[in-house]
Amino acid sequence: MRLTQQEIQIIKTSVHEVMGENARVWLFGSRVDDSKRGGDIDLFVEADLYEPRDRVLKTAQLWVKLQLRLGEQRIDIILAATQFEKPKLIEQVARKTGRRL
């Protein structure tokens, strides 16, 4: 995994602060593969957020907090579907290939 322990802690802390203590986060994509270089930080987050407005707002707040704490980075955040939605293919890929932080 191509994140430092400090970066992992910043991500986990930020996710919990914004999305709630029960939120879970995975790193997926190229940063999971030690043989690759570069790439953005792809995060998959499961959180108890059901209202569409809250989901959009909290995702934006998390992105801003991570930018401030990690420095300018390319960060993609995928928020898991609610229990009322069908999971998207990207969510299945993130769960299968990602590493929980």
N, C-alpha and C. Protein backbone atom coordinates (compact mmCIF):
# COMPACT_ATOMS: atom_id res chain seq x y z
N MET A 1 0.86 -1.17 0.00
CA MET A 1 0.00 0.00 0.00
C MET A 1 0.90 1.23 0.00
N ARG A 2 0.58 2.15 -0.89
CA ARG A 2 1.44 3.32 -1.03
C ARG A 2 0.86 4.54 -0.32
N LEU A 3 0.67 4.38 0.97
CA LEU A 3 0.33 5.48 1.88
C LEU A 3 1.21 5.31 3.11
N THR A 4 1.61 6.42 3.69
CA THR A 4 2.38 6.34 4.93
C THR A 4 1.41 6.08 6.09
N GLN A 5 1.95 5.65 7.22
CA GLN A 5 1.12 5.46 8.41
C GLN A 5 0.46 6.78 8.82
N GLN A 6 1.17 7.87 8.66
CA GLN A 6 0.61 9.18 8.99
C GLN A 6 -0.57 9.51 8.06
N GLU A 7 -0.43 9.23 6.78
CA GLU A 7 -1.53 9.48 5.84
C GLU A 7 -2.74 8.62 6.15
N ILE A 8 -2.50 7.36 6.49
CA ILE A 8 -3.58 6.45 6.86
C ILE A 8 -4.33 6.99 8.08
N GLN A 9 -3.58 7.43 9.09
CA GLN A 9 -4.21 7.95 10.30
C GLN A 9 -5.01 9.21 10.00
N ILE A 10 -4.48 10.08 9.17
CA ILE A 10 -5.20 11.31 8.79
C ILE A 10 -6.50 10.95 8.09
N ILE A 11 -6.46 10.00 7.18
CA ILE A 11 -7.67 9.60 6.45
C ILE A 11 -8.70 9.03 7.42
N LYS A 12 -8.28 8.09 8.26
CA LYS A 12 -9.21 7.46 9.19
C LYS A 12 -9.83 8.48 10.15
N THR A 13 -9.00 9.35 10.70
CA THR A 13 -9.49 10.38 11.62
C THR A 13 -10.47 11.31 10.92
N SER A 14 -10.13 11.73 9.74
CA SER A 14 -10.99 12.65 8.99
C SER A 14 -12.33 12.01 8.65
N VAL A 15 -12.30 10.74 8.23
CA VAL A 15 -13.54 10.03 7.92
C VAL A 15 -14.43 9.96 9.15
N HIS A 16 -13.86 9.62 10.29
CA HIS A 16 -14.66 9.51 11.51
C HIS A 16 -15.20 10.87 11.96
N GLU A 17 -14.40 11.90 11.83
CA GLU A 17 -14.87 13.24 12.22
C GLU A 17 -16.04 13.71 11.35
N VAL A 18 -15.98 13.44 10.08
CA VAL A 18 -17.00 13.95 9.16
C VAL A 18 -18.18 12.98 9.02
N MET A 19 -17.90 11.71 8.88
CA MET A 19 -18.94 10.72 8.57
C MET A 19 -19.49 10.00 9.79
N GLY A 20 -18.82 10.14 10.93
CA GLY A 20 -19.28 9.47 12.15
C GLY A 20 -18.34 8.36 12.56
N GLU A 21 -18.36 8.04 13.84
CA GLU A 21 -17.44 7.05 14.41
C GLU A 21 -17.64 5.65 13.84
N ASN A 22 -18.84 5.34 13.34
CA ASN A 22 -19.10 4.01 12.80
C ASN A 22 -18.71 3.88 11.33
N ALA A 23 -18.26 4.95 10.72
CA ALA A 23 -17.90 4.92 9.30
C ALA A 23 -16.67 4.03 9.09
N ARG A 24 -16.63 3.37 7.94
CA ARG A 24 -15.50 2.52 7.58
C ARG A 24 -14.95 3.00 6.24
N VAL A 25 -13.64 2.86 6.07
CA VAL A 25 -13.01 3.37 4.86
C VAL A 25 -12.02 2.36 4.30
N TRP A 26 -12.02 2.23 2.98
CA TRP A 26 -11.10 1.37 2.25
C TRP A 26 -10.31 2.21 1.25
N LEU A 27 -9.07 1.84 1.05
CA LEU A 27 -8.26 2.37 -0.03
C LEU A 27 -8.34 1.35 -1.16
N PHE A 28 -8.60 1.82 -2.38
CA PHE A 28 -8.61 0.92 -3.52
C PHE A 28 -7.96 1.61 -4.70
N GLY A 29 -7.81 0.90 -5.78
CA GLY A 29 -7.20 1.48 -6.98
C GLY A 29 -5.69 1.30 -6.96
N SER A 30 -5.00 2.16 -7.71
CA SER A 30 -3.57 2.00 -7.92
C SER A 30 -2.73 2.15 -6.66
N ARG A 31 -3.20 2.89 -5.66
CA ARG A 31 -2.41 3.08 -4.44
C ARG A 31 -2.30 1.82 -3.59
N VAL A 32 -3.12 0.83 -3.88
CA VAL A 32 -3.03 -0.44 -3.15
C VAL A 32 -1.87 -1.28 -3.68
N ASP A 33 -1.50 -1.04 -4.93
CA ASP A 33 -0.47 -1.83 -5.61
C ASP A 33 0.90 -1.18 -5.43
N ASP A 34 1.78 -1.85 -4.68
CA ASP A 34 3.12 -1.32 -4.40
C ASP A 34 4.00 -1.23 -5.64
N SER A 35 3.66 -1.96 -6.69
CA SER A 35 4.50 -1.96 -7.90
C SER A 35 4.20 -0.79 -8.82
N LYS A 36 3.12 -0.07 -8.56
CA LYS A 36 2.76 1.06 -9.40
C LYS A 36 3.29 2.35 -8.81
N ARG A 37 3.24 3.39 -9.63
CA ARG A 37 3.71 4.71 -9.20
C ARG A 37 2.59 5.72 -9.44
N GLY A 38 2.63 6.80 -8.66
CA GLY A 38 1.66 7.87 -8.86
C GLY A 38 0.25 7.42 -8.55
N GLY A 39 -0.70 8.09 -9.16
CA GLY A 39 -2.09 7.74 -8.98
C GLY A 39 -2.76 8.55 -7.90
N ASP A 40 -4.05 8.65 -8.02
CA ASP A 40 -4.82 9.38 -7.03
C ASP A 40 -5.13 8.48 -5.84
N ILE A 41 -5.69 9.08 -4.82
CA ILE A 41 -6.10 8.33 -3.63
C ILE A 41 -7.59 8.04 -3.81
N ASP A 42 -7.91 6.75 -4.01
CA ASP A 42 -9.30 6.33 -4.18
C ASP A 42 -9.80 5.76 -2.86
N LEU A 43 -10.83 6.38 -2.32
CA LEU A 43 -11.39 5.95 -1.04
C LEU A 43 -12.83 5.49 -1.22
N PHE A 44 -13.16 4.41 -0.57
CA PHE A 44 -14.53 3.90 -0.52
C PHE A 44 -14.97 3.99 0.93
N VAL A 45 -16.09 4.67 1.18
CA VAL A 45 -16.54 4.93 2.55
C VAL A 45 -17.95 4.38 2.76
N GLU A 46 -18.12 3.64 3.84
CA GLU A 46 -19.44 3.22 4.29
C GLU A 46 -19.78 4.04 5.52
N ALA A 47 -20.94 4.69 5.48
CA ALA A 47 -21.36 5.53 6.62
C ALA A 47 -22.88 5.51 6.70
N ASP A 48 -23.38 5.77 7.88
CA ASP A 48 -24.83 5.80 8.11
C ASP A 48 -25.40 7.15 7.72
N LEU A 49 -25.40 7.42 6.43
CA LEU A 49 -25.95 8.66 5.89
C LEU A 49 -27.00 8.29 4.84
N TYR A 50 -28.22 8.71 5.06
CA TYR A 50 -29.30 8.29 4.18
C TYR A 50 -29.92 9.43 3.39
N GLU A 51 -29.85 10.64 3.92
CA GLU A 51 -30.42 11.79 3.23
C GLU A 51 -29.48 12.23 2.11
N PRO A 52 -29.99 12.38 0.89
CA PRO A 52 -29.13 12.77 -0.23
C PRO A 52 -28.33 14.05 0.03
N ARG A 53 -28.95 15.03 0.64
CA ARG A 53 -28.25 16.29 0.93
C ARG A 53 -27.08 16.07 1.88
N ASP A 54 -27.30 15.27 2.92
CA ASP A 54 -26.23 14.95 3.88
C ASP A 54 -25.09 14.20 3.21
N ARG A 55 -25.42 13.28 2.32
CA ARG A 55 -24.41 12.49 1.63
C ARG A 55 -23.50 13.37 0.79
N VAL A 56 -24.10 14.31 0.05
CA VAL A 56 -23.32 15.21 -0.79
C VAL A 56 -22.49 16.16 0.08
N LEU A 57 -23.12 16.74 1.08
CA LEU A 57 -22.43 17.69 1.95
C LEU A 57 -21.27 17.04 2.69
N LYS A 58 -21.49 15.89 3.27
CA LYS A 58 -20.44 15.21 4.05
C LYS A 58 -19.29 14.74 3.15
N THR A 59 -19.60 14.30 1.94
CA THR A 59 -18.55 13.89 1.02
C THR A 59 -17.68 15.09 0.66
N ALA A 60 -18.31 16.22 0.40
CA ALA A 60 -17.55 17.44 0.08
C ALA A 60 -16.73 17.89 1.28
N GLN A 61 -17.29 17.84 2.47
CA GLN A 61 -16.56 18.23 3.68
C GLN A 61 -15.34 17.33 3.89
N LEU A 62 -15.51 16.04 3.67
CA LEU A 62 -14.39 15.11 3.82
C LEU A 62 -13.30 15.42 2.81
N TRP A 63 -13.66 15.68 1.56
CA TRP A 63 -12.68 15.98 0.53
C TRP A 63 -11.87 17.22 0.92
N VAL A 64 -12.55 18.27 1.38
CA VAL A 64 -11.87 19.50 1.77
C VAL A 64 -10.94 19.25 2.95
N LYS A 65 -11.42 18.52 3.94
CA LYS A 65 -10.60 18.23 5.14
C LYS A 65 -9.35 17.45 4.74
N LEU A 66 -9.49 16.48 3.85
CA LEU A 66 -8.33 15.71 3.42
C LEU A 66 -7.35 16.56 2.62
N GLN A 67 -7.86 17.46 1.81
CA GLN A 67 -6.98 18.37 1.07
C GLN A 67 -6.16 19.23 2.02
N LEU A 68 -6.80 19.73 3.05
CA LEU A 68 -6.12 20.58 4.02
C LEU A 68 -5.09 19.80 4.84
N ARG A 69 -5.42 18.59 5.19
CA ARG A 69 -4.55 17.80 6.07
C ARG A 69 -3.45 17.04 5.32
N LEU A 70 -3.73 16.59 4.11
CA LEU A 70 -2.75 15.82 3.35
C LEU A 70 -1.96 16.68 2.37
N GLY A 71 -2.42 17.89 2.15
CA GLY A 71 -1.85 18.71 1.10
C GLY A 71 -2.59 18.43 -0.19
N GLU A 72 -2.34 19.23 -1.18
CA GLU A 72 -3.07 19.09 -2.43
C GLU A 72 -2.82 17.71 -3.04
N GLN A 73 -3.88 16.95 -3.18
CA GLN A 73 -3.83 15.58 -3.69
C GLN A 73 -5.03 15.36 -4.61
N ARG A 74 -4.88 14.42 -5.51
CA ARG A 74 -6.05 13.97 -6.28
C ARG A 74 -6.71 12.88 -5.43
N ILE A 75 -7.92 13.18 -4.97
CA ILE A 75 -8.63 12.26 -4.08
C ILE A 75 -10.03 12.03 -4.65
N ASP A 76 -10.38 10.76 -4.80
CA ASP A 76 -11.73 10.38 -5.21
C ASP A 76 -12.39 9.67 -4.03
N ILE A 77 -13.62 10.07 -3.72
CA ILE A 77 -14.35 9.46 -2.61
C ILE A 77 -15.63 8.85 -3.16
N ILE A 78 -15.79 7.56 -2.92
CA ILE A 78 -17.02 6.86 -3.28
C ILE A 78 -17.74 6.55 -1.98
N LEU A 79 -18.95 7.06 -1.85
CA LEU A 79 -19.76 6.79 -0.66
C LEU A 79 -20.69 5.63 -0.98
N ALA A 80 -20.69 4.62 -0.15
CA ALA A 80 -21.49 3.41 -0.39
C ALA A 80 -22.96 3.75 -0.54
N ALA A 81 -23.61 2.96 -1.36
CA ALA A 81 -25.05 3.09 -1.52
C ALA A 81 -25.74 2.86 -0.19
N THR A 82 -26.89 3.47 -0.02
CA THR A 82 -27.69 3.23 1.18
C THR A 82 -28.36 1.87 1.06
N GLN A 83 -28.99 1.45 2.13
CA GLN A 83 -29.69 0.17 2.13
C GLN A 83 -30.87 0.17 1.15
N PHE A 84 -31.27 1.33 0.68
CA PHE A 84 -32.40 1.45 -0.24
C PHE A 84 -31.96 1.47 -1.70
N GLU A 85 -30.65 1.47 -1.94
CA GLU A 85 -30.11 1.55 -3.29
C GLU A 85 -29.39 0.26 -3.64
N LYS A 86 -29.32 -0.01 -4.92
CA LYS A 86 -28.54 -1.14 -5.40
C LYS A 86 -27.07 -0.73 -5.43
N PRO A 87 -26.18 -1.55 -4.86
CA PRO A 87 -24.74 -1.20 -4.90
C PRO A 87 -24.24 -1.07 -6.34
N LYS A 88 -23.40 -0.09 -6.55
CA LYS A 88 -22.81 0.14 -7.87
C LYS A 88 -21.63 -0.81 -8.08
N LEU A 89 -21.27 -1.03 -9.32
CA LEU A 89 -20.15 -1.91 -9.64
C LEU A 89 -18.86 -1.43 -8.98
N ILE A 90 -18.63 -0.12 -8.95
CA ILE A 90 -17.41 0.41 -8.34
C ILE A 90 -17.33 0.05 -6.86
N GLU A 91 -18.46 -0.04 -6.19
CA GLU A 91 -18.48 -0.43 -4.78
C GLU A 91 -18.05 -1.88 -4.62
N GLN A 92 -18.53 -2.73 -5.51
CA GLN A 92 -18.16 -4.14 -5.45
C GLN A 92 -16.65 -4.30 -5.70
N VAL A 93 -16.12 -3.55 -6.65
CA VAL A 93 -14.69 -3.60 -6.94
C VAL A 93 -13.89 -3.09 -5.74
N ALA A 94 -14.32 -1.99 -5.15
CA ALA A 94 -13.61 -1.42 -4.00
C ALA A 94 -13.57 -2.39 -2.83
N ARG A 95 -14.68 -3.05 -2.56
CA ARG A 95 -14.71 -4.02 -1.45
C ARG A 95 -13.81 -5.22 -1.73
N LYS A 96 -13.84 -5.67 -2.99
CA LYS A 96 -13.09 -6.87 -3.36
C LYS A 96 -11.60 -6.64 -3.45
N THR A 97 -11.18 -5.51 -4.01
CA THR A 97 -9.77 -5.27 -4.28
C THR A 97 -9.11 -4.31 -3.29
N GLY A 98 -9.93 -3.60 -2.52
CA GLY A 98 -9.39 -2.58 -1.62
C GLY A 98 -8.86 -3.14 -0.32
N ARG A 99 -8.21 -2.26 0.42
CA ARG A 99 -7.70 -2.60 1.75
C ARG A 99 -8.35 -1.67 2.76
N ARG A 100 -8.96 -2.26 3.75
CA ARG A 100 -9.60 -1.44 4.79
C ARG A 100 -8.53 -0.74 5.61
N LEU A 101 -8.78 0.55 5.84
CA LEU A 101 -7.84 1.34 6.65
C LEU A 101 -8.29 1.36 8.09
